[in-house]
Full PDB file with SEQRES, HELIX, SHEET, SSBOND, CRYST1, ORIGX, SCALE, CONECT and MASTER records, all heavy atoms in Angstrom:
SEQRES   1 A   33  SER GLY GLU LYS ASP TYR SER MET GLU ALA LYS GLY ILE          
SEQRES   2 A   33  GLY SER ALA LYS LEU SER THR ARG PRO ASP LEU ILE LEU          
SEQRES   3 A   33  ILE ASP ASP PRO GLN GLU PRO                                  
CRYST1    1.000    1.000    1.000  90.00  90.00  90.00 P 1           1          
ORIGX1      1.000000  0.000000  0.000000        0.00000                         
ORIGX2      0.000000  1.000000  0.000000        0.00000                         
ORIGX3      0.000000  0.000000  1.000000        0.00000                         
SCALE1      1.000000  0.000000  0.000000        0.00000                         
SCALE2      0.000000  1.000000  0.000000        0.00000                         
SCALE3      0.000000  0.000000  1.000000        0.00000                         
ATOM      1  N   SER A   1      87.805  24.737   4.861  1.00  0.00           N  
ATOM      2  CA  SER A   1      87.715  26.196   4.806  1.00  0.00           C  
ATOM      3  C   SER A   1      86.473  26.712   5.523  1.00  0.00           C  
ATOM      4  O   SER A   1      86.420  27.866   5.907  1.00  0.00           O  
ATOM      5  CB  SER A   1      87.713  26.674   3.355  1.00  0.00           C  
ATOM      6  OG  SER A   1      86.585  26.159   2.690  1.00  0.00           O  
ATOM      7  N   GLY A   2      85.460  25.862   5.714  1.00  0.00           N  
ATOM      8  CA  GLY A   2      84.262  26.279   6.418  1.00  0.00           C  
ATOM      9  C   GLY A   2      84.365  26.100   7.927  1.00  0.00           C  
ATOM     10  O   GLY A   2      83.475  26.481   8.672  1.00  0.00           O  
ATOM     11  N   GLU A   3      85.457  25.524   8.393  1.00  0.00           N  
ATOM     12  CA  GLU A   3      85.636  25.249   9.808  1.00  0.00           C  
ATOM     13  C   GLU A   3      86.129  26.487  10.529  1.00  0.00           C  
ATOM     14  O   GLU A   3      87.161  27.035  10.208  1.00  0.00           O  
ATOM     15  CB  GLU A   3      86.644  24.112   9.982  1.00  0.00           C  
ATOM     16  CG  GLU A   3      86.837  23.666  11.401  1.00  0.00           C  
ATOM     17  CD  GLU A   3      85.576  23.122  12.014  1.00  0.00           C  
ATOM     18  OE1 GLU A   3      84.985  22.192  11.453  1.00  0.00           O  
ATOM     19  OE2 GLU A   3      85.175  23.656  13.055  1.00  0.00           O  
ATOM     20  N   LYS A   4      85.361  26.960  11.509  1.00  0.00           N  
ATOM     21  CA  LYS A   4      85.770  28.157  12.246  1.00  0.00           C  
ATOM     22  C   LYS A   4      86.568  27.837  13.495  1.00  0.00           C  
ATOM     23  O   LYS A   4      87.290  28.675  13.990  1.00  0.00           O  
ATOM     24  CB  LYS A   4      84.559  29.000  12.626  1.00  0.00           C  
ATOM     25  CG  LYS A   4      83.670  28.359  13.663  1.00  0.00           C  
ATOM     26  CD  LYS A   4      82.570  29.276  14.105  1.00  0.00           C  
ATOM     27  CE  LYS A   4      81.781  28.600  15.201  1.00  0.00           C  
ATOM     28  NZ  LYS A   4      81.276  29.480  16.176  1.00  0.00           N  
ATOM     29  N   ASP A   5      86.454  26.629  14.014  1.00  0.00           N  
ATOM     30  CA  ASP A   5      87.154  26.265  15.235  1.00  0.00           C  
ATOM     31  C   ASP A   5      88.602  25.893  14.941  1.00  0.00           C  
ATOM     32  O   ASP A   5      88.938  25.447  13.844  1.00  0.00           O  
ATOM     33  CB  ASP A   5      86.460  25.083  15.918  1.00  0.00           C  
ATOM     34  CG  ASP A   5      85.050  25.420  16.372  1.00  0.00           C  
ATOM     35  OD1 ASP A   5      84.787  26.604  16.634  1.00  0.00           O  
ATOM     36  OD2 ASP A   5      84.229  24.497  16.458  1.00  0.00           O  
ATOM     37  N   TYR A   6      89.441  26.053  15.945  1.00  0.00           N  
ATOM     38  CA  TYR A   6      90.850  25.705  15.809  1.00  0.00           C  
ATOM     39  C   TYR A   6      91.046  24.201  15.980  1.00  0.00           C  
ATOM     40  O   TYR A   6      90.233  23.531  16.602  1.00  0.00           O  
ATOM     41  CB  TYR A   6      91.675  26.452  16.860  1.00  0.00           C  
ATOM     42  CG  TYR A   6      91.638  27.942  16.680  1.00  0.00           C  
ATOM     43  CD1 TYR A   6      90.994  28.759  17.605  1.00  0.00           C  
ATOM     44  CD2 TYR A   6      92.239  28.538  15.575  1.00  0.00           C  
ATOM     45  CE1 TYR A   6      90.958  30.131  17.428  1.00  0.00           C  
ATOM     46  CE2 TYR A   6      92.208  29.906  15.393  1.00  0.00           C  
ATOM     47  CZ  TYR A   6      91.566  30.703  16.323  1.00  0.00           C  
ATOM     48  OH  TYR A   6      91.525  32.056  16.137  1.00  0.00           O  
ATOM     49  N   SER A   7      92.151  23.697  15.465  1.00  0.00           N  
ATOM     50  CA  SER A   7      92.497  22.291  15.675  1.00  0.00           C  
ATOM     51  C   SER A   7      92.786  22.051  17.148  1.00  0.00           C  
ATOM     52  O   SER A   7      92.403  21.038  17.711  1.00  0.00           O  
ATOM     53  CB  SER A   7      93.722  21.905  14.849  1.00  0.00           C  
ATOM     54  OG  SER A   7      93.465  22.089  13.482  1.00  0.00           O  
ATOM     55  N   MET A   8      93.485  23.008  17.774  1.00  0.00           N  
ATOM     56  CA  MET A   8      93.738  22.934  19.211  1.00  0.00           C  
ATOM     57  C   MET A   8      93.768  24.355  19.753  1.00  0.00           C  
ATOM     58  O   MET A   8      94.331  25.254  19.135  1.00  0.00           O  
ATOM     59  CB  MET A   8      95.047  22.224  19.510  1.00  0.00           C  
ATOM     60  CG  MET A   8      95.269  21.975  20.980  1.00  0.00           C  
ATOM     61  SD  MET A   8      96.667  20.856  21.229  1.00  0.00           S  
ATOM     62  CE  MET A   8      96.539  20.623  22.999  1.00  0.00           C  
ATOM     63  N   GLU A   9      93.129  24.526  20.908  1.00  0.00           N  
ATOM     64  CA  GLU A   9      93.063  25.844  21.533  1.00  0.00           C  
ATOM     65  C   GLU A   9      93.320  25.693  23.028  1.00  0.00           C  
ATOM     66  O   GLU A   9      92.912  24.707  23.641  1.00  0.00           O  
ATOM     67  CB  GLU A   9      91.690  26.461  21.292  1.00  0.00           C  
ATOM     68  CG  GLU A   9      91.563  27.874  21.774  1.00  0.00           C  
ATOM     69  CD  GLU A   9      90.244  28.520  21.358  1.00  0.00           C  
ATOM     70  OE1 GLU A   9      89.373  27.829  20.787  1.00  0.00           O  
ATOM     71  OE2 GLU A   9      90.095  29.723  21.604  1.00  0.00           O  
ATOM     72  N   ALA A  10      93.996  26.684  23.599  1.00  0.00           N  
ATOM     73  CA  ALA A  10      94.340  26.672  25.017  1.00  0.00           C  
ATOM     74  C   ALA A  10      93.569  27.751  25.752  1.00  0.00           C  
ATOM     75  O   ALA A  10      93.424  28.867  25.264  1.00  0.00           O  
ATOM     76  CB  ALA A  10      95.840  26.910  25.181  1.00  0.00           C  
ATOM     77  N   LYS A  11      93.085  27.407  26.948  1.00  0.00           N  
ATOM     78  CA  LYS A  11      92.349  28.361  27.783  1.00  0.00           C  
ATOM     79  C   LYS A  11      92.722  28.152  29.237  1.00  0.00           C  
ATOM     80  O   LYS A  11      92.989  27.038  29.658  1.00  0.00           O  
ATOM     81  CB  LYS A  11      90.839  28.134  27.661  1.00  0.00           C  
ATOM     82  CG  LYS A  11      90.264  28.388  26.295  1.00  0.00           C  
ATOM     83  CD  LYS A  11      89.748  29.769  26.245  1.00  0.00           C  
ATOM     84  CE  LYS A  11      89.006  30.026  24.950  1.00  0.00           C  
ATOM     85  NZ  LYS A  11      88.917  31.435  24.698  1.00  0.00           N  
ATOM     86  N   GLY A  12      92.686  29.232  29.988  1.00  0.00           N  
ATOM     87  CA  GLY A  12      92.741  29.127  31.435  1.00  0.00           C  
ATOM     88  C   GLY A  12      91.357  28.717  31.902  1.00  0.00           C  
ATOM     89  O   GLY A  12      90.355  29.023  31.252  1.00  0.00           O  
ATOM     90  N   ILE A  13      91.268  28.034  33.026  1.00  0.00           N  
ATOM     91  CA  ILE A  13      89.980  27.521  33.499  1.00  0.00           C  
ATOM     92  C   ILE A  13      88.964  28.635  33.706  1.00  0.00           C  
ATOM     93  O   ILE A  13      87.772  28.436  33.549  1.00  0.00           O  
ATOM     94  CB  ILE A  13      90.154  26.653  34.766  1.00  0.00           C  
ATOM     95  CG1 ILE A  13      88.937  25.764  34.989  1.00  0.00           C  
ATOM     96  CG2 ILE A  13      90.451  27.485  35.986  1.00  0.00           C  
ATOM     97  CD1 ILE A  13      88.856  24.600  34.087  1.00  0.00           C  
ATOM     98  N   GLY A  14      89.414  29.845  34.013  1.00  0.00           N  
ATOM     99  CA  GLY A  14      88.495  30.956  34.220  1.00  0.00           C  
ATOM    100  C   GLY A  14      88.262  31.800  32.981  1.00  0.00           C  
ATOM    101  O   GLY A  14      87.556  32.802  33.030  1.00  0.00           O  
ATOM    102  N   SER A  15      88.834  31.412  31.836  1.00  0.00           N  
ATOM    103  CA  SER A  15      88.703  32.182  30.598  1.00  0.00           C  
ATOM    104  C   SER A  15      87.277  32.153  30.069  1.00  0.00           C  
ATOM    105  O   SER A  15      86.515  31.246  30.361  1.00  0.00           O  
ATOM    106  CB  SER A  15      89.613  31.599  29.509  1.00  0.00           C  
ATOM    107  OG  SER A  15      90.940  31.589  29.912  1.00  0.00           O  
ATOM    108  N   ALA A  16      86.982  33.126  29.263  1.00  0.00           N  
ATOM    109  CA  ALA A  16      85.689  33.129  28.581  1.00  0.00           C  
ATOM    110  C   ALA A  16      85.626  31.917  27.665  1.00  0.00           C  
ATOM    111  O   ALA A  16      86.588  31.589  26.989  1.00  0.00           O  
ATOM    112  CB  ALA A  16      85.531  34.401  27.775  1.00  0.00           C  
ATOM    113  N   LYS A  17      84.516  31.237  27.654  1.00  0.00           N  
ATOM    114  CA  LYS A  17      84.344  30.068  26.809  1.00  0.00           C  
ATOM    115  C   LYS A  17      83.644  30.495  25.520  1.00  0.00           C  
ATOM    116  O   LYS A  17      82.693  31.255  25.559  1.00  0.00           O  
ATOM    117  CB  LYS A  17      83.503  28.992  27.500  1.00  0.00           C  
ATOM    118  CG  LYS A  17      83.854  28.682  28.945  1.00  0.00           C  
ATOM    119  CD  LYS A  17      85.316  28.435  29.184  1.00  0.00           C  
ATOM    120  CE  LYS A  17      85.596  28.151  30.619  1.00  0.00           C  
ATOM    121  NZ  LYS A  17      85.865  29.277  31.480  1.00  0.00           N  
ATOM    122  N   LEU A  18      84.108  29.992  24.422  1.00  0.00           N  
ATOM    123  CA  LEU A  18      83.500  30.319  23.141  1.00  0.00           C  
ATOM    124  C   LEU A  18      82.469  29.260  22.778  1.00  0.00           C  
ATOM    125  O   LEU A  18      82.373  28.226  23.414  1.00  0.00           O  
ATOM    126  CB  LEU A  18      84.586  30.398  22.068  1.00  0.00           C  
ATOM    127  CG  LEU A  18      85.691  31.413  22.342  1.00  0.00           C  
ATOM    128  CD1 LEU A  18      86.754  31.323  21.258  1.00  0.00           C  
ATOM    129  CD2 LEU A  18      85.124  32.810  22.415  1.00  0.00           C  
ATOM    130  N   SER A  19      81.735  29.518  21.729  1.00  0.00           N  
ATOM    131  CA  SER A  19      80.720  28.557  21.297  1.00  0.00           C  
ATOM    132  C   SER A  19      81.348  27.525  20.361  1.00  0.00           C  
ATOM    133  O   SER A  19      80.855  27.285  19.279  1.00  0.00           O  
ATOM    134  CB  SER A  19      79.562  29.282  20.622  1.00  0.00           C  
ATOM    135  OG  SER A  19      80.037  29.981  19.489  1.00  0.00           O  
ATOM    136  N   THR A  20      82.426  26.934  20.791  1.00  0.00           N  
ATOM    137  CA  THR A  20      83.081  25.901  20.002  1.00  0.00           C  
ATOM    138  C   THR A  20      82.498  24.543  20.355  1.00  0.00           C  
ATOM    139  O   THR A  20      81.882  24.374  21.396  1.00  0.00           O  
ATOM    140  CB  THR A  20      84.600  25.882  20.271  1.00  0.00           C  
ATOM    141  OG1 THR A  20      84.806  25.596  21.644  1.00  0.00           O  
ATOM    142  CG2 THR A  20      85.238  27.200  19.915  1.00  0.00           C  
ATOM    143  N   ARG A  21      82.699  23.578  19.504  1.00  0.00           N  
ATOM    144  CA  ARG A  21      82.276  22.210  19.750  1.00  0.00           C  
ATOM    145  C   ARG A  21      83.487  21.306  19.562  1.00  0.00           C  
ATOM    146  O   ARG A  21      83.635  20.650  18.539  1.00  0.00           O  
ATOM    147  CB  ARG A  21      81.154  21.799  18.800  1.00  0.00           C  
ATOM    148  CG  ARG A  21      79.847  22.459  19.100  1.00  0.00           C  
ATOM    149  CD  ARG A  21      79.227  21.851  20.366  1.00  0.00           C  
ATOM    150  NE  ARG A  21      78.010  22.549  20.713  1.00  0.00           N  
ATOM    151  CZ  ARG A  21      77.800  23.131  21.881  1.00  0.00           C  
ATOM    152  NH1 ARG A  21      78.740  23.128  22.802  1.00  0.00           N  
ATOM    153  NH2 ARG A  21      76.677  23.726  22.138  1.00  0.00           N  
ATOM    154  N   PRO A  22      84.357  21.259  20.560  1.00  0.00           N  
ATOM    155  CA  PRO A  22      85.542  20.407  20.416  1.00  0.00           C  
ATOM    156  C   PRO A  22      85.187  18.928  20.484  1.00  0.00           C  
ATOM    157  O   PRO A  22      84.185  18.543  21.066  1.00  0.00           O  
ATOM    158  CB  PRO A  22      86.417  20.818  21.603  1.00  0.00           C  
ATOM    159  CG  PRO A  22      85.457  21.358  22.603  1.00  0.00           C  
ATOM    160  CD  PRO A  22      84.338  21.969  21.824  1.00  0.00           C  
ATOM    161  N   ASP A  23      86.036  18.125  19.871  1.00  0.00           N  
ATOM    162  CA  ASP A  23      85.878  16.675  19.928  1.00  0.00           C  
ATOM    163  C   ASP A  23      86.482  16.114  21.207  1.00  0.00           C  
ATOM    164  O   ASP A  23      86.083  15.052  21.669  1.00  0.00           O  
ATOM    165  CB  ASP A  23      86.557  16.026  18.718  1.00  0.00           C  
ATOM    166  CG  ASP A  23      85.981  16.558  17.424  1.00  0.00           C  
ATOM    167  OD1 ASP A  23      84.776  16.334  17.189  1.00  0.00           O  
ATOM    168  OD2 ASP A  23      86.716  17.213  16.666  1.00  0.00           O  
ATOM    169  N   LEU A  24      87.463  16.844  21.752  1.00  0.00           N  
ATOM    170  CA  LEU A  24      88.129  16.422  22.982  1.00  0.00           C  
ATOM    171  C   LEU A  24      88.408  17.656  23.837  1.00  0.00           C  
ATOM    172  O   LEU A  24      88.924  18.653  23.340  1.00  0.00           O  
ATOM    173  CB  LEU A  24      89.461  15.722  22.659  1.00  0.00           C  
ATOM    174  CG  LEU A  24      90.356  15.354  23.846  1.00  0.00           C  
ATOM    175  CD1 LEU A  24      89.666  14.344  24.761  1.00  0.00           C  
ATOM    176  CD2 LEU A  24      91.690  14.818  23.351  1.00  0.00           C  
ATOM    177  N   ILE A  25      88.024  17.578  25.092  1.00  0.00           N  
ATOM    178  CA  ILE A  25      88.363  18.621  26.058  1.00  0.00           C  
ATOM    179  C   ILE A  25      89.301  17.999  27.084  1.00  0.00           C  
ATOM    180  O   ILE A  25      88.987  16.961  27.672  1.00  0.00           O  
ATOM    181  CB  ILE A  25      87.118  19.188  26.762  1.00  0.00           C  
ATOM    182  CG1 ILE A  25      86.241  19.945  25.770  1.00  0.00           C  
ATOM    183  CG2 ILE A  25      87.534  20.109  27.914  1.00  0.00           C  
ATOM    184  CD1 ILE A  25      84.958  20.495  26.370  1.00  0.00           C  
ATOM    185  N   LEU A  26      90.454  18.628  27.271  1.00  0.00           N  
ATOM    186  CA  LEU A  26      91.408  18.214  28.292  1.00  0.00           C  
ATOM    187  C   LEU A  26      91.388  19.256  29.398  1.00  0.00           C  
ATOM    188  O   LEU A  26      91.555  20.446  29.128  1.00  0.00           O  
ATOM    189  CB  LEU A  26      92.826  18.145  27.721  1.00  0.00           C  
ATOM    190  CG  LEU A  26      93.081  17.130  26.627  1.00  0.00           C  
ATOM    191  CD1 LEU A  26      94.471  17.318  26.037  1.00  0.00           C  
ATOM    192  CD2 LEU A  26      92.937  15.725  27.168  1.00  0.00           C  
ATOM    193  N   ILE A  27      91.175  18.826  30.610  1.00  0.00           N  
ATOM    194  CA  ILE A  27      91.255  19.704  31.776  1.00  0.00           C  
ATOM    195  C   ILE A  27      92.396  19.157  32.617  1.00  0.00           C  
ATOM    196  O   ILE A  27      92.309  18.049  33.140  1.00  0.00           O  
ATOM    197  CB  ILE A  27      89.940  19.719  32.577  1.00  0.00           C  
ATOM    198  CG1 ILE A  27      88.769  20.139  31.694  1.00  0.00           C  
ATOM    199  CG2 ILE A  27      90.073  20.635  33.783  1.00  0.00           C  
ATOM    200  CD1 ILE A  27      87.411  19.994  32.368  1.00  0.00           C  
ATOM    201  N   ASP A  28      93.473  19.917  32.716  1.00  0.00           N  
ATOM    202  CA  ASP A  28      94.682  19.425  33.374  1.00  0.00           C  
ATOM    203  C   ASP A  28      95.046  20.320  34.548  1.00  0.00           C  
ATOM    204  O   ASP A  28      95.336  21.495  34.368  1.00  0.00           O  
ATOM    205  CB  ASP A  28      95.827  19.390  32.355  1.00  0.00           C  
ATOM    206  CG  ASP A  28      97.076  18.718  32.885  1.00  0.00           C  
ATOM    207  OD1 ASP A  28      97.060  18.212  34.025  1.00  0.00           O  
ATOM    208  OD2 ASP A  28      98.074  18.693  32.146  1.00  0.00           O  
ATOM    209  N   ASP A  29      95.026  19.763  35.753  1.00  0.00           N  
ATOM    210  CA  ASP A  29      95.350  20.499  36.983  1.00  0.00           C  
ATOM    211  C   ASP A  29      94.681  21.874  37.022  1.00  0.00           C  
ATOM    212  O   ASP A  29      95.348  22.902  37.016  1.00  0.00           O  
ATOM    213  CB  ASP A  29      96.869  20.653  37.132  1.00  0.00           C  
ATOM    214  CG  ASP A  29      97.519  19.411  37.680  1.00  0.00           C  
ATOM    215  OD1 ASP A  29      96.861  18.695  38.460  1.00  0.00           O  
ATOM    216  OD2 ASP A  29      98.688  19.149  37.352  1.00  0.00           O  
ATOM    217  N   PRO A  30      93.358  21.914  37.093  1.00  0.00           N  
ATOM    218  CA  PRO A  30      92.654  23.196  37.019  1.00  0.00           C  
ATOM    219  C   PRO A  30      92.694  24.015  38.301  1.00  0.00           C  
ATOM    220  O   PRO A  30      92.304  25.181  38.289  1.00  0.00           O  
ATOM    221  CB  PRO A  30      91.218  22.786  36.711  1.00  0.00           C  
ATOM    222  CG  PRO A  30      91.082  21.448  37.364  1.00  0.00           C  
ATOM    223  CD  PRO A  30      92.423  20.790  37.179  1.00  0.00           C  
ATOM    224  N   GLN A  31      93.162  23.442  39.408  1.00  0.00           N  
ATOM    225  CA  GLN A  31      93.074  24.138  40.691  1.00  0.00           C  
ATOM    226  C   GLN A  31      94.456  24.392  41.281  1.00  0.00           C  
ATOM    227  O   GLN A  31      95.282  23.475  41.357  1.00  0.00           O  
ATOM    228  CB  GLN A  31      92.229  23.316  41.667  1.00  0.00           C  
ATOM    229  CG  GLN A  31      91.835  24.045  42.913  1.00  0.00           C  
ATOM    230  CD  GLN A  31      90.786  23.259  43.691  1.00  0.00           C  
ATOM    231  OE1 GLN A  31      90.842  22.043  43.786  1.00  0.00           O  
ATOM    232  NE2 GLN A  31      89.829  23.965  44.258  1.00  0.00           N  
ATOM    233  N   GLU A  32      94.673  25.619  41.701  1.00  0.00           N  
ATOM    234  CA  GLU A  32      95.913  25.975  42.411  1.00  0.00           C  
ATOM    235  C   GLU A  32      95.886  25.335  43.792  1.00  0.00           C  
ATOM    236  O   GLU A  32      94.833  25.287  44.433  1.00  0.00           O  
ATOM    237  CB  GLU A  32      96.020  27.493  42.571  1.00  0.00           C  
ATOM    238  CG  GLU A  32      96.215  28.258  41.282  1.00  0.00           C  
ATOM    239  CD  GLU A  32      97.645  28.200  40.780  1.00  0.00           C  
ATOM    240  OE1 GLU A  32      98.520  27.657  41.481  1.00  0.00           O  
ATOM    241  OE2 GLU A  32      97.873  28.699  39.672  1.00  0.00           O  
ATOM    242  N   PRO A  33      97.029  24.869  44.298  1.00  0.00           N  
ATOM    243  CA  PRO A  33      97.043  24.260  45.636  1.00  0.00           C  
ATOM    244  C   PRO A  33      96.479  25.169  46.731  1.00  0.00           C  
ATOM    245  O   PRO A  33      95.774  24.699  47.610  1.00  0.00           O  
ATOM    246  CB  PRO A  33      98.532  23.973  45.868  1.00  0.00           C  
ATOM    247  CG  PRO A  33      99.089  23.795  44.495  1.00  0.00           C  
ATOM    248  CD  PRO A  33      98.312  24.747  43.628  1.00  0.00           C  
TER     249      PRO A  33                                                      
MASTER        0    0    0    0    0    0    0    6  248    1    0    3          
END                                                                             
């Protein structure tokens, strides 16, 4: 109940980044051809 971060969250590469501390960051195909 004290955890403010989500279990999983999705962002576009250019999205505003929050002050989260994820255990795993996945960056998948971040660049348009």
